[in-house]
C-alpha atoms as a PDB file:
ATOM      1  CA  MET A   1     124.705 157.256 119.912  1.00  0.00           C
ATOM      2  CA  ILE A   2     123.709 157.083 116.282  1.00  0.00           C
ATOM      3  CA  THR A   3     120.494 158.957 117.063  1.00  0.00           C
ATOM      4  CA  ASP A   4     122.573 162.010 118.016  1.00  0.00           C
ATOM      5  CA  SER A   5     123.232 162.518 114.296  1.00  0.00           C
ATOM      6  CA  TYR A   6     119.512 162.641 113.396  1.00  0.00           C
ATOM      7  CA  ARG A   7     117.946 165.959 112.465  1.00  0.00           C
ATOM      8  CA  LYS A   8     115.639 167.414 115.084  1.00  0.00           C
ATOM      9  CA  GLU A   9     113.264 169.081 112.582  1.00  0.00           C
ATOM     10  CA  ASP A  10     109.727 167.948 111.860  1.00  0.00           C
ATOM     11  CA  GLY A  11     109.229 165.616 108.905  1.00  0.00           C
ATOM     12  CA  LYS A  12     107.829 166.773 105.591  1.00  0.00           C
ATOM     13  CA  MET A  13     104.958 164.268 105.704  1.00  0.00           C
ATOM     14  CA  SER A  14     102.987 162.709 108.510  1.00  0.00           C
ATOM     15  CA  PRO A  15      99.873 160.556 108.756  1.00  0.00           C
ATOM     16  CA  GLU A  16      97.958 163.699 109.759  1.00  0.00           C
ATOM     17  CA  SER A  17      99.053 165.546 106.595  1.00  0.00           C
ATOM     18  CA  VAL A  18      97.653 162.721 104.436  1.00  0.00           C
ATOM     19  CA  PHE A  19      94.598 161.533 106.370  1.00  0.00           C
ATOM     20  CA  GLY A  20      93.850 164.498 108.621  1.00  0.00           C
ATOM     21  CA  PRO A  21      93.815 164.387 112.398  1.00  0.00           C
ATOM     22  CA  GLY A  22      92.834 160.983 113.735  1.00  0.00           C
ATOM     23  CA  ARG A  23      91.157 159.888 116.892  1.00  0.00           C
ATOM     24  CA  GLN A  24      93.118 158.320 119.699  1.00  0.00           C
ATOM     25  CA  PHE A  25      92.193 154.659 120.068  1.00  0.00           C
ATOM     26  CA  CYS A  26      94.356 153.863 123.054  1.00  0.00           C
ATOM     27  CA  ASP A  27      97.086 154.863 125.485  1.00  0.00           C
ATOM     28  CA  ILE A  28      99.531 152.147 124.376  1.00  0.00           C
ATOM     29  CA  CYS A  29      99.857 150.348 121.029  1.00  0.00           C
ATOM     30  CA  ILE A  30     101.720 147.053 120.696  1.00  0.00           C
ATOM     31  CA  MET A  31     102.616 145.511 117.349  1.00  0.00           C
ATOM     32  CA  ALA A  32     102.166 141.769 117.890  1.00  0.00           C
ATOM     33  CA  PHE A  33     103.843 139.711 115.163  1.00  0.00           C
ATOM     34  CA  SER A  34     103.276 136.369 116.898  1.00  0.00           C
ATOM     35  CA  TRP A  35      99.978 134.618 116.249  1.00  0.00           C
ATOM     36  CA  ARG A  36     100.591 132.535 119.388  1.00  0.00           C
ATOM     37  CA  LEU A  37     100.892 135.641 121.542  1.00  0.00           C
ATOM     38  CA  THR A  38      97.762 137.136 119.975  1.00  0.00           C
ATOM     39  CA  ALA A  39      95.815 133.890 120.522  1.00  0.00           C
ATOM     40  CA  MET A  40      96.914 133.772 124.174  1.00  0.00           C
ATOM     41  CA  ILE A  41      95.821 137.371 124.805  1.00  0.00           C
ATOM     42  CA  LEU A  42      92.487 136.761 123.054  1.00  0.00           C
ATOM     43  CA  GLU A  43      91.834 133.703 125.219  1.00  0.00           C
ATOM     44  CA  GLU A  44      92.858 135.256 128.537  1.00  0.00           C
ATOM     45  CA  HIS A  45      91.602 138.837 128.256  1.00  0.00           C
ATOM     46  CA  HIS A  46      88.717 138.782 125.719  1.00  0.00           C
ATOM     47  CA  PRO A  47      89.559 142.157 124.109  1.00  0.00           C
ATOM     48  CA  GLU A  48      87.123 144.053 121.907  1.00  0.00           C
ATOM     49  CA  VAL A  49      87.664 144.798 118.231  1.00  0.00           C
ATOM     50  CA  VAL A  50      87.982 148.591 117.859  1.00  0.00           C
ATOM     51  CA  ALA A  51      89.165 148.889 114.250  1.00  0.00           C
ATOM     52  CA  ASP A  52      90.045 146.955 111.130  1.00  0.00           C
ATOM     53  CA  LEU A  53      93.275 147.334 109.160  1.00  0.00           C
ATOM     54  CA  ALA A  54      92.567 146.580 105.498  1.00  0.00           C
ATOM     55  CA  SER A  55      95.418 145.795 103.115  1.00  0.00           C
ATOM     56  CA  THR A  56      96.083 143.782  99.980  1.00  0.00           C
ATOM     57  CA  ASN A  57      96.764 140.789 102.259  1.00  0.00           C
ATOM     58  CA  GLY A  58      93.299 140.945 103.785  1.00  0.00           C
ATOM     59  CA  HIS A  59      91.827 142.394 106.940  1.00  0.00           C
ATOM     60  CA  THR A  60      93.503 142.489 110.354  1.00  0.00           C
ATOM     61  CA  PRO A  61      91.403 143.287 113.423  1.00  0.00           C
ATOM     62  CA  ILE A  62      92.741 145.841 115.904  1.00  0.00           C
ATOM     63  CA  TYR A  63      91.947 144.734 119.446  1.00  0.00           C
ATOM     64  CA  ALA A  64      91.779 146.784 122.649  1.00  0.00           C
ATOM     65  CA  LEU A  65      91.772 145.845 126.306  1.00  0.00           C
ATOM     66  CA  THR A  66      92.163 147.760 129.541  1.00  0.00           C
ATOM     67  CA  TYR A  67      95.021 146.797 131.846  1.00  0.00           C
ATOM     68  CA  LYS A  68      95.897 148.695 135.018  1.00  0.00           C
ATOM     69  CA  GLY A  69      93.791 151.633 133.888  1.00  0.00           C
ATOM     70  CA  LYS A  70      95.459 151.927 130.451  1.00  0.00           C
ATOM     71  CA  LYS A  71      93.746 151.126 127.170  1.00  0.00           C
ATOM     72  CA  ILE A  72      96.086 148.905 125.162  1.00  0.00           C
ATOM     73  CA  CYS A  73      95.626 148.208 121.448  1.00  0.00           C
ATOM     74  CA  PHE A  74      97.288 145.441 119.479  1.00  0.00           C
END
């Protein structure tokens, strides 16, 4: 596989080296790029807002819900 050619060493930079150690929000994180999928999950599961991602494009809420004992963020 192509990944066999990747170096196994640690990277020179990481989020922790820039921002310091962070807290763990969840067990699983899903990047949802579909507004329809997000709307469906919001309607069916009523997740809570646990964080806010601010960028030049505005603010994006980070939601969390518990499913089968796992905390899932999206």
